[in-house]
Amino acid sequence: MRFQQRRNYSSHTDAELARAFRVLAHPLRISALRAFAVSDEPLAAGDVAFMEHDEIPATTVRHHLQLLAEAGLLRTVGPRSRGVPGRPAHRYVLTELGIDVLELLHTAAATAGPRRGARSV
């Protein structure tokens, strides 16, 4: 049996957690949040849109990143220094709440049974 250390979530209020999970009701937001888990650098909307398999406009991703930031899962770290002229692209990083929620999502996915519609071989 593998023993896992339990993380202390008491630093987050129930209201913070509820707001975070409410925002994560959209699959694109979960996918966008996961993009930050595999990146070592802050990401802008265009970076996240590029990482998606579907062709999702950066403006759509920008909207979803802003909602994740408003829920406290991401925070802005300033505009990107390189890129095309015009409005600077905001870059985002995970907050502690975002890291904790990602860990919860990972644990839930790992312990869940097979996905609906998935074929067993």
Protein backbone atom coordinates (compact mmCIF):
# COMPACT_ATOMS: atom_id res chain seq x y z
CA MET A 1 0.00 0.00 0.00
CA ARG A 2 1.33 3.40 -0.96
CA PHE A 3 1.13 6.10 1.69
CA GLN A 4 0.57 9.62 0.40
CA GLN A 5 1.15 12.72 2.44
CA ARG A 6 -2.06 14.70 2.83
CA ARG A 7 -1.95 18.33 1.80
CA ASN A 8 -3.34 20.91 4.20
CA TYR A 9 -6.11 22.82 2.40
CA SER A 10 -7.03 24.86 5.47
CA SER A 11 -5.27 27.88 4.00
CA HIS A 12 -8.16 28.20 1.52
CA THR A 13 -11.64 29.16 2.65
CA ASP A 14 -14.68 27.18 1.59
CA ALA A 15 -15.82 30.22 -0.39
CA GLU A 16 -12.51 30.32 -2.32
CA LEU A 17 -12.73 26.62 -3.13
CA ALA A 18 -16.38 26.90 -4.18
CA ARG A 19 -15.61 29.82 -6.50
CA ALA A 20 -12.66 27.91 -7.99
CA PHE A 21 -14.71 24.80 -8.70
CA ARG A 22 -17.59 26.84 -10.10
CA VAL A 23 -15.21 28.42 -12.63
CA LEU A 24 -13.83 24.99 -13.53
CA ALA A 25 -17.24 23.83 -14.73
CA HIS A 26 -16.11 24.64 -18.29
CA PRO A 27 -13.82 22.03 -19.91
CA LEU A 28 -11.69 24.64 -21.67
CA ARG A 29 -10.83 26.21 -18.32
CA ILE A 30 -9.70 22.85 -16.92
CA SER A 31 -7.61 22.30 -20.03
CA ALA A 32 -6.13 25.79 -19.79
CA LEU A 33 -5.29 25.28 -16.12
CA ARG A 34 -3.51 22.03 -16.99
CA ALA A 35 -1.39 23.92 -19.54
CA PHE A 36 0.16 25.84 -16.65
CA ALA A 37 1.08 22.59 -14.91
CA VAL A 38 3.37 21.58 -17.78
CA SER A 39 4.96 24.98 -18.36
CA ASP A 40 7.99 26.34 -16.55
CA GLU A 41 7.29 29.89 -17.70
CA PRO A 42 4.33 32.27 -17.45
CA LEU A 43 1.86 31.81 -20.29
CA ALA A 44 -0.20 34.28 -22.31
CA ALA A 45 -3.52 33.51 -24.00
CA GLY A 46 -1.79 32.88 -27.33
CA ASP A 47 0.53 30.34 -25.70
CA VAL A 48 -2.38 28.42 -24.17
CA ALA A 49 -4.37 28.59 -27.43
CA PHE A 50 -1.35 27.14 -29.26
CA MET A 51 -1.18 24.24 -26.77
CA GLU A 52 -4.83 23.29 -27.36
CA HIS A 53 -5.58 20.59 -29.94
CA ASP A 54 -8.63 22.40 -31.26
CA GLU A 55 -8.23 25.70 -33.03
CA ILE A 56 -9.39 28.06 -30.31
CA PRO A 57 -8.91 31.79 -30.87
CA ALA A 58 -6.59 33.51 -28.41
CA THR A 59 -9.38 36.00 -27.63
CA THR A 60 -11.56 33.15 -26.37
CA VAL A 61 -8.72 31.74 -24.30
CA ARG A 62 -7.99 35.24 -22.94
CA HIS A 63 -11.57 35.45 -21.63
CA HIS A 64 -11.27 32.07 -19.89
CA LEU A 65 -7.87 32.94 -18.38
CA GLN A 66 -9.32 36.13 -16.97
CA LEU A 67 -12.12 34.14 -15.31
CA LEU A 68 -9.54 31.75 -13.83
CA ALA A 69 -7.60 34.76 -12.51
CA GLU A 70 -10.74 36.32 -11.01
CA ALA A 71 -11.40 33.02 -9.21
CA GLY A 72 -7.89 33.13 -7.73
CA LEU A 73 -6.46 30.18 -9.66
CA LEU A 74 -4.09 32.30 -11.77
CA ARG A 75 -2.39 35.64 -11.28
CA THR A 76 -0.93 38.04 -13.80
CA VAL A 77 2.79 38.69 -13.83
CA GLY A 78 2.82 41.54 -16.33
CA PRO A 79 2.86 41.86 -20.08
CA ARG A 80 4.99 39.76 -22.38
CA SER A 81 8.11 41.62 -23.46
CA ARG A 82 8.25 40.15 -26.94
CA GLY A 83 5.61 39.64 -29.60
CA VAL A 84 3.60 41.62 -32.05
CA PRO A 85 3.03 45.34 -31.63
CA GLY A 86 -0.25 46.45 -30.09
CA ARG A 87 -1.86 45.68 -26.79
CA PRO A 88 0.61 43.75 -24.61
CA ALA A 89 -0.37 40.17 -23.83
CA HIS A 90 -0.85 39.50 -20.14
CA ARG A 91 1.07 36.54 -18.81
CA TYR A 92 -0.28 34.32 -16.07
CA VAL A 93 1.09 31.86 -13.50
CA LEU A 94 -0.62 29.47 -11.11
CA THR A 95 -1.42 30.70 -7.62
CA GLU A 96 -1.13 28.46 -4.58
CA LEU A 97 -4.88 27.84 -4.85
CA GLY A 98 -4.41 26.91 -8.52
CA ILE A 99 -1.66 24.44 -7.65
CA ASP A 100 -3.77 22.87 -4.91
CA VAL A 101 -6.85 22.58 -7.14
CA LEU A 102 -4.77 21.01 -9.93
CA GLU A 103 -3.50 18.45 -7.43
CA LEU A 104 -7.08 17.68 -6.40
CA LEU A 105 -8.11 17.30 -10.05
CA HIS A 106 -5.17 15.00 -10.72
CA THR A 107 -5.97 12.85 -7.69
CA ALA A 108 -9.65 12.66 -8.62
CA ALA A 109 -8.84 11.66 -12.20
CA ALA A 110 -6.35 9.02 -11.04
CA THR A 111 -8.81 7.40 -8.64
CA ALA A 112 -11.84 7.59 -10.92
CA GLY A 113 -12.91 4.59 -12.93
CA PRO A 114 -12.75 4.40 -16.71
CA ARG A 115 -14.26 7.30 -18.62
CA ARG A 116 -17.72 6.94 -20.04
CA GLY A 117 -17.59 5.67 -23.57
CA ALA A 118 -14.03 4.44 -23.12
CA ARG A 119 -13.46 0.99 -24.47
CA SER A 120 -11.62 -1.57 -22.43
CA VAL A 121 -9.18 -3.75 -24.31
